[in-house]
N, C-alpha and C. Protein backbone atom coordinates (compact mmCIF):
# COMPACT_ATOMS: atom_id res chain seq x y z
N MET A 1 -32.83 -41.60 -7.85
CA MET A 1 -32.30 -40.44 -7.17
C MET A 1 -33.41 -39.44 -6.90
N GLY A 2 -33.40 -38.88 -5.71
CA GLY A 2 -34.38 -37.87 -5.36
C GLY A 2 -33.78 -36.49 -5.48
N GLU A 3 -34.52 -35.52 -4.99
CA GLU A 3 -34.03 -34.15 -4.99
C GLU A 3 -32.96 -33.99 -3.94
N SER A 4 -32.04 -33.07 -4.15
CA SER A 4 -31.01 -32.82 -3.15
C SER A 4 -31.66 -32.14 -1.95
N SER A 5 -31.22 -32.53 -0.75
CA SER A 5 -31.87 -32.01 0.45
C SER A 5 -30.86 -31.69 1.54
N GLY A 6 -29.79 -31.00 1.19
CA GLY A 6 -28.83 -30.63 2.21
C GLY A 6 -27.52 -30.24 1.60
N THR A 7 -26.61 -29.79 2.45
CA THR A 7 -25.33 -29.33 1.95
C THR A 7 -24.49 -30.45 1.37
N GLY A 8 -24.74 -31.70 1.79
CA GLY A 8 -24.00 -32.83 1.24
C GLY A 8 -24.34 -33.08 -0.22
N ASP A 9 -25.46 -32.56 -0.65
CA ASP A 9 -25.89 -32.75 -2.03
C ASP A 9 -25.54 -31.57 -2.93
N ALA A 10 -24.83 -30.59 -2.37
CA ALA A 10 -24.51 -29.38 -3.14
C ALA A 10 -23.01 -29.12 -3.09
N GLU A 11 -22.51 -28.56 -4.17
CA GLU A 11 -21.12 -28.12 -4.23
C GLU A 11 -21.07 -26.63 -3.89
N THR A 12 -19.98 -26.19 -3.28
CA THR A 12 -19.79 -24.77 -3.00
C THR A 12 -18.56 -24.29 -3.75
N LEU A 13 -18.70 -23.16 -4.41
CA LEU A 13 -17.62 -22.55 -5.18
C LEU A 13 -17.34 -21.17 -4.59
N THR A 14 -16.08 -20.83 -4.45
CA THR A 14 -15.70 -19.49 -4.00
C THR A 14 -14.83 -18.84 -5.06
N VAL A 15 -15.02 -17.53 -5.25
CA VAL A 15 -14.19 -16.75 -6.17
C VAL A 15 -13.10 -16.10 -5.34
N GLU A 16 -11.85 -16.27 -5.81
CA GLU A 16 -10.70 -15.75 -5.10
C GLU A 16 -9.79 -15.00 -6.05
N LEU A 17 -8.96 -14.16 -5.48
CA LEU A 17 -7.94 -13.44 -6.23
C LEU A 17 -6.64 -14.23 -6.07
N GLU A 18 -5.97 -14.49 -7.18
CA GLU A 18 -4.76 -15.32 -7.17
C GLU A 18 -3.62 -14.59 -7.85
N ASP A 19 -2.43 -14.74 -7.32
CA ASP A 19 -1.23 -14.22 -7.96
C ASP A 19 -0.89 -15.18 -9.10
N ALA A 20 -1.01 -14.71 -10.33
CA ALA A 20 -0.80 -15.58 -11.49
C ALA A 20 0.63 -16.11 -11.54
N GLY A 21 1.58 -15.36 -11.01
CA GLY A 21 2.96 -15.82 -11.00
C GLY A 21 3.29 -16.71 -9.82
N GLY A 22 2.40 -16.79 -8.85
CA GLY A 22 2.69 -17.54 -7.64
C GLY A 22 2.22 -18.97 -7.66
N THR A 23 1.70 -19.45 -8.79
CA THR A 23 1.18 -20.81 -8.83
C THR A 23 2.28 -21.86 -8.97
N SER A 24 3.44 -21.47 -9.46
CA SER A 24 4.59 -22.38 -9.53
C SER A 24 5.85 -21.55 -9.71
N TRP A 25 7.00 -22.14 -9.49
CA TRP A 25 8.25 -21.38 -9.60
C TRP A 25 8.48 -20.90 -11.02
N TRP A 26 8.12 -21.72 -12.03
CA TRP A 26 8.37 -21.30 -13.41
C TRP A 26 7.39 -20.21 -13.83
N ALA A 27 6.16 -20.26 -13.34
CA ALA A 27 5.19 -19.21 -13.66
C ALA A 27 5.63 -17.89 -13.05
N SER A 28 6.16 -17.95 -11.82
CA SER A 28 6.64 -16.75 -11.16
C SER A 28 7.81 -16.14 -11.90
N LEU A 29 8.75 -16.98 -12.33
CA LEU A 29 9.91 -16.50 -13.09
C LEU A 29 9.47 -15.90 -14.42
N LEU A 30 8.60 -16.57 -15.12
CA LEU A 30 8.11 -16.07 -16.40
C LEU A 30 7.38 -14.74 -16.24
N ALA A 31 6.55 -14.63 -15.22
CA ALA A 31 5.81 -13.38 -14.98
C ALA A 31 6.76 -12.24 -14.67
N THR A 32 7.79 -12.51 -13.89
CA THR A 32 8.76 -11.47 -13.55
C THR A 32 9.55 -11.03 -14.77
N LEU A 33 10.02 -11.99 -15.56
CA LEU A 33 10.83 -11.66 -16.73
C LEU A 33 10.04 -10.97 -17.83
N SER A 34 8.77 -11.30 -17.94
CA SER A 34 7.98 -10.74 -19.04
C SER A 34 7.18 -9.51 -18.65
N SER A 35 7.18 -9.15 -17.38
CA SER A 35 6.35 -8.02 -16.96
C SER A 35 6.98 -6.70 -17.35
N GLN A 36 6.13 -5.77 -17.74
CA GLN A 36 6.55 -4.43 -18.07
C GLN A 36 6.42 -3.56 -16.83
N TYR A 37 7.35 -2.68 -16.62
CA TYR A 37 7.28 -1.69 -15.55
C TYR A 37 7.19 -2.32 -14.16
N GLY A 38 7.70 -3.52 -13.98
CA GLY A 38 7.69 -4.15 -12.66
C GLY A 38 6.33 -4.59 -12.17
N ASN A 39 5.40 -4.83 -13.06
CA ASN A 39 4.07 -5.26 -12.67
C ASN A 39 4.05 -6.71 -12.24
N ALA A 40 3.14 -7.02 -11.34
CA ALA A 40 2.78 -8.41 -11.03
C ALA A 40 1.47 -8.66 -11.78
N TYR A 41 1.08 -9.91 -11.87
CA TYR A 41 -0.16 -10.23 -12.56
C TYR A 41 -1.06 -11.05 -11.63
N LYS A 42 -2.30 -10.64 -11.56
CA LYS A 42 -3.31 -11.32 -10.74
C LYS A 42 -4.39 -11.86 -11.67
N ARG A 43 -5.23 -12.73 -11.12
CA ARG A 43 -6.38 -13.24 -11.85
C ARG A 43 -7.40 -13.74 -10.83
N PHE A 44 -8.63 -13.82 -11.28
CA PHE A 44 -9.68 -14.36 -10.43
C PHE A 44 -9.88 -15.83 -10.78
N VAL A 45 -10.10 -16.63 -9.76
CA VAL A 45 -10.32 -18.06 -9.95
C VAL A 45 -11.55 -18.48 -9.17
N GLY A 46 -12.22 -19.50 -9.66
CA GLY A 46 -13.32 -20.13 -8.94
C GLY A 46 -12.84 -21.49 -8.46
N ARG A 47 -12.93 -21.72 -7.16
CA ARG A 47 -12.45 -22.98 -6.57
C ARG A 47 -13.58 -23.74 -5.90
N VAL A 48 -13.53 -25.06 -6.09
CA VAL A 48 -14.43 -25.98 -5.41
C VAL A 48 -13.55 -26.96 -4.67
N ASP A 49 -13.69 -27.02 -3.36
CA ASP A 49 -12.86 -27.90 -2.51
C ASP A 49 -11.37 -27.71 -2.80
N GLY A 50 -10.94 -26.48 -2.97
CA GLY A 50 -9.53 -26.18 -3.21
C GLY A 50 -9.07 -26.39 -4.64
N GLU A 51 -9.91 -26.98 -5.48
CA GLU A 51 -9.56 -27.25 -6.88
C GLU A 51 -9.97 -26.06 -7.75
N ARG A 52 -9.03 -25.58 -8.53
CA ARG A 52 -9.30 -24.46 -9.44
C ARG A 52 -10.11 -24.98 -10.63
N ARG A 53 -11.36 -24.49 -10.75
CA ARG A 53 -12.23 -24.91 -11.85
C ARG A 53 -12.43 -23.83 -12.89
N TYR A 54 -12.32 -22.57 -12.49
CA TYR A 54 -12.50 -21.45 -13.41
C TYR A 54 -11.33 -20.50 -13.24
N VAL A 55 -10.83 -20.00 -14.35
CA VAL A 55 -9.69 -19.08 -14.32
C VAL A 55 -9.99 -17.90 -15.23
N GLY A 56 -9.92 -16.70 -14.68
CA GLY A 56 -10.13 -15.49 -15.46
C GLY A 56 -8.82 -15.02 -16.07
N PRO A 57 -8.90 -14.08 -16.99
CA PRO A 57 -7.69 -13.53 -17.60
C PRO A 57 -6.86 -12.75 -16.57
N THR A 58 -5.57 -12.72 -16.79
CA THR A 58 -4.68 -11.99 -15.89
C THR A 58 -4.80 -10.49 -16.14
N PHE A 59 -4.44 -9.73 -15.12
CA PHE A 59 -4.39 -8.27 -15.24
C PHE A 59 -3.22 -7.76 -14.40
N PRO A 60 -2.58 -6.67 -14.85
CA PRO A 60 -1.39 -6.17 -14.15
C PRO A 60 -1.75 -5.35 -12.91
N VAL A 61 -0.92 -5.51 -11.88
CA VAL A 61 -0.99 -4.67 -10.68
C VAL A 61 0.44 -4.25 -10.34
N PRO A 62 0.65 -3.04 -9.87
CA PRO A 62 2.00 -2.62 -9.49
C PRO A 62 2.54 -3.48 -8.35
N ARG A 63 3.76 -3.94 -8.46
CA ARG A 63 4.37 -4.76 -7.41
C ARG A 63 4.51 -4.01 -6.09
N THR A 64 4.67 -2.73 -6.13
CA THR A 64 4.91 -1.95 -4.93
C THR A 64 3.72 -1.87 -4.00
N TRP A 65 2.55 -2.33 -4.41
CA TRP A 65 1.35 -2.22 -3.57
C TRP A 65 1.27 -3.32 -2.53
N GLY A 66 2.10 -4.35 -2.63
CA GLY A 66 2.10 -5.40 -1.62
C GLY A 66 0.77 -6.10 -1.49
N ASP A 67 0.25 -6.15 -0.27
CA ASP A 67 -0.98 -6.88 0.00
C ASP A 67 -2.23 -6.01 -0.08
N ILE A 68 -2.11 -4.78 -0.53
CA ILE A 68 -3.28 -3.92 -0.68
C ILE A 68 -4.15 -4.48 -1.80
N PRO A 69 -5.44 -4.70 -1.54
CA PRO A 69 -6.31 -5.25 -2.59
C PRO A 69 -6.34 -4.33 -3.81
N PRO A 70 -6.28 -4.90 -5.00
CA PRO A 70 -6.29 -4.07 -6.22
C PRO A 70 -7.62 -3.36 -6.41
N GLN A 71 -7.54 -2.25 -7.12
CA GLN A 71 -8.72 -1.48 -7.50
C GLN A 71 -8.59 -1.16 -8.97
N GLU A 72 -9.70 -1.05 -9.65
CA GLU A 72 -9.70 -0.82 -11.10
C GLU A 72 -8.90 0.42 -11.48
N ALA A 73 -8.88 1.44 -10.63
CA ALA A 73 -8.18 2.69 -10.95
C ALA A 73 -6.69 2.46 -11.24
N TRP A 74 -6.07 1.52 -10.54
CA TRP A 74 -4.64 1.27 -10.78
C TRP A 74 -4.35 -0.18 -11.13
N ALA A 75 -5.39 -0.97 -11.36
CA ALA A 75 -5.25 -2.35 -11.83
C ALA A 75 -6.14 -2.51 -13.05
N PRO A 76 -5.68 -1.96 -14.19
CA PRO A 76 -6.52 -1.98 -15.39
C PRO A 76 -6.97 -3.39 -15.75
N GLU A 77 -8.18 -3.48 -16.16
CA GLU A 77 -8.80 -4.72 -16.64
C GLU A 77 -9.21 -5.67 -15.52
N MET A 78 -9.10 -5.22 -14.27
CA MET A 78 -9.53 -6.04 -13.15
C MET A 78 -11.02 -6.38 -13.26
N ASN A 79 -11.85 -5.37 -13.51
CA ASN A 79 -13.30 -5.60 -13.60
C ASN A 79 -13.66 -6.51 -14.77
N ARG A 80 -12.95 -6.38 -15.88
CA ARG A 80 -13.21 -7.24 -17.04
C ARG A 80 -12.88 -8.70 -16.71
N SER A 81 -11.77 -8.90 -16.00
CA SER A 81 -11.36 -10.24 -15.61
C SER A 81 -12.39 -10.88 -14.68
N LEU A 82 -12.85 -10.11 -13.70
CA LEU A 82 -13.85 -10.62 -12.77
C LEU A 82 -15.15 -10.94 -13.50
N ALA A 83 -15.60 -10.03 -14.37
CA ALA A 83 -16.84 -10.26 -15.13
C ALA A 83 -16.75 -11.52 -15.97
N GLU A 84 -15.60 -11.77 -16.56
CA GLU A 84 -15.45 -12.95 -17.41
C GLU A 84 -15.53 -14.24 -16.61
N VAL A 85 -14.84 -14.30 -15.48
CA VAL A 85 -14.88 -15.53 -14.68
C VAL A 85 -16.29 -15.73 -14.10
N LEU A 86 -16.97 -14.65 -13.69
CA LEU A 86 -18.34 -14.77 -13.19
C LEU A 86 -19.30 -15.24 -14.28
N ARG A 87 -19.10 -14.78 -15.50
CA ARG A 87 -19.95 -15.21 -16.61
C ARG A 87 -19.83 -16.72 -16.83
N HIS A 88 -18.61 -17.25 -16.79
CA HIS A 88 -18.41 -18.69 -16.98
C HIS A 88 -19.06 -19.49 -15.84
N ILE A 89 -18.93 -18.98 -14.62
CA ILE A 89 -19.52 -19.65 -13.46
C ILE A 89 -21.04 -19.68 -13.60
N GLU A 90 -21.63 -18.55 -13.92
CA GLU A 90 -23.09 -18.48 -14.06
C GLU A 90 -23.59 -19.28 -15.26
N ASP A 91 -22.81 -19.33 -16.33
CA ASP A 91 -23.19 -20.15 -17.49
C ASP A 91 -23.29 -21.63 -17.13
N ASP A 92 -22.53 -22.04 -16.11
CA ASP A 92 -22.57 -23.44 -15.64
C ASP A 92 -23.60 -23.64 -14.54
N HIS A 93 -24.52 -22.68 -14.39
CA HIS A 93 -25.68 -22.79 -13.50
C HIS A 93 -25.35 -22.76 -12.01
N TRP A 94 -24.27 -22.12 -11.63
CA TRP A 94 -24.01 -21.87 -10.23
C TRP A 94 -24.91 -20.72 -9.79
N VAL A 95 -25.36 -20.76 -8.54
CA VAL A 95 -26.25 -19.73 -7.99
C VAL A 95 -25.51 -19.02 -6.86
N GLN A 96 -25.45 -17.69 -6.94
CA GLN A 96 -24.75 -16.93 -5.91
C GLN A 96 -25.50 -17.05 -4.58
N THR A 97 -24.76 -17.39 -3.52
CA THR A 97 -25.37 -17.56 -2.20
C THR A 97 -24.72 -16.68 -1.13
N GLY A 98 -23.67 -15.96 -1.49
CA GLY A 98 -23.03 -15.10 -0.51
C GLY A 98 -22.01 -14.19 -1.14
N LYS A 99 -21.57 -13.21 -0.34
CA LYS A 99 -20.58 -12.24 -0.81
C LYS A 99 -19.74 -11.84 0.38
N GLY A 100 -18.42 -11.72 0.18
CA GLY A 100 -17.51 -11.30 1.24
C GLY A 100 -17.31 -9.79 1.23
N GLN A 101 -16.27 -9.34 1.92
CA GLN A 101 -16.00 -7.91 2.03
C GLN A 101 -15.41 -7.31 0.76
N GLN A 102 -14.59 -8.07 0.06
CA GLN A 102 -13.99 -7.56 -1.18
C GLN A 102 -14.97 -7.71 -2.34
N PRO A 103 -14.86 -6.85 -3.34
CA PRO A 103 -15.83 -6.89 -4.44
C PRO A 103 -15.80 -8.19 -5.26
N TRP A 104 -14.79 -9.00 -5.11
CA TRP A 104 -14.69 -10.24 -5.88
C TRP A 104 -14.99 -11.47 -5.04
N GLU A 105 -15.25 -11.33 -3.76
CA GLU A 105 -15.47 -12.47 -2.88
C GLU A 105 -16.92 -12.94 -2.97
N PHE A 106 -17.17 -13.82 -3.92
CA PHE A 106 -18.50 -14.38 -4.14
C PHE A 106 -18.49 -15.84 -3.72
N ARG A 107 -19.65 -16.34 -3.31
CA ARG A 107 -19.83 -17.74 -2.99
C ARG A 107 -21.04 -18.22 -3.80
N PHE A 108 -20.90 -19.37 -4.40
CA PHE A 108 -21.95 -19.96 -5.22
C PHE A 108 -22.18 -21.41 -4.79
N THR A 109 -23.36 -21.91 -5.07
CA THR A 109 -23.65 -23.34 -4.86
C THR A 109 -24.41 -23.86 -6.07
N ARG A 110 -24.40 -25.20 -6.18
CA ARG A 110 -25.23 -25.89 -7.18
C ARG A 110 -25.31 -27.35 -6.75
N PRO A 111 -26.38 -28.01 -7.16
CA PRO A 111 -26.51 -29.44 -6.81
C PRO A 111 -25.37 -30.23 -7.44
N ARG A 112 -24.99 -31.29 -6.77
CA ARG A 112 -23.92 -32.17 -7.31
C ARG A 112 -24.44 -32.94 -8.50
């Protein structure tokens, strides 16, 4: 095997924000029944080819905010959750290669 020399030899990982209750019907029901003050729960995930490889801890966001991106001021522990998932990604030797508009939209690559 030689050195990798192109995108076919590298994996790409993206960090996304995920509704922790939206991953299945039972998770959604459990999140709704167990939430305090009508909160929803989000988490950051790292995906490679649509497969969830890294999952950060959940954090509460008010349900009334709809599709407005969360902010630490009203989504406590959001920054801690993001830092934790990024730490695991970097510990596995992924290298950041891009960033999107939202503070959590990171793109990483590493050789296969």
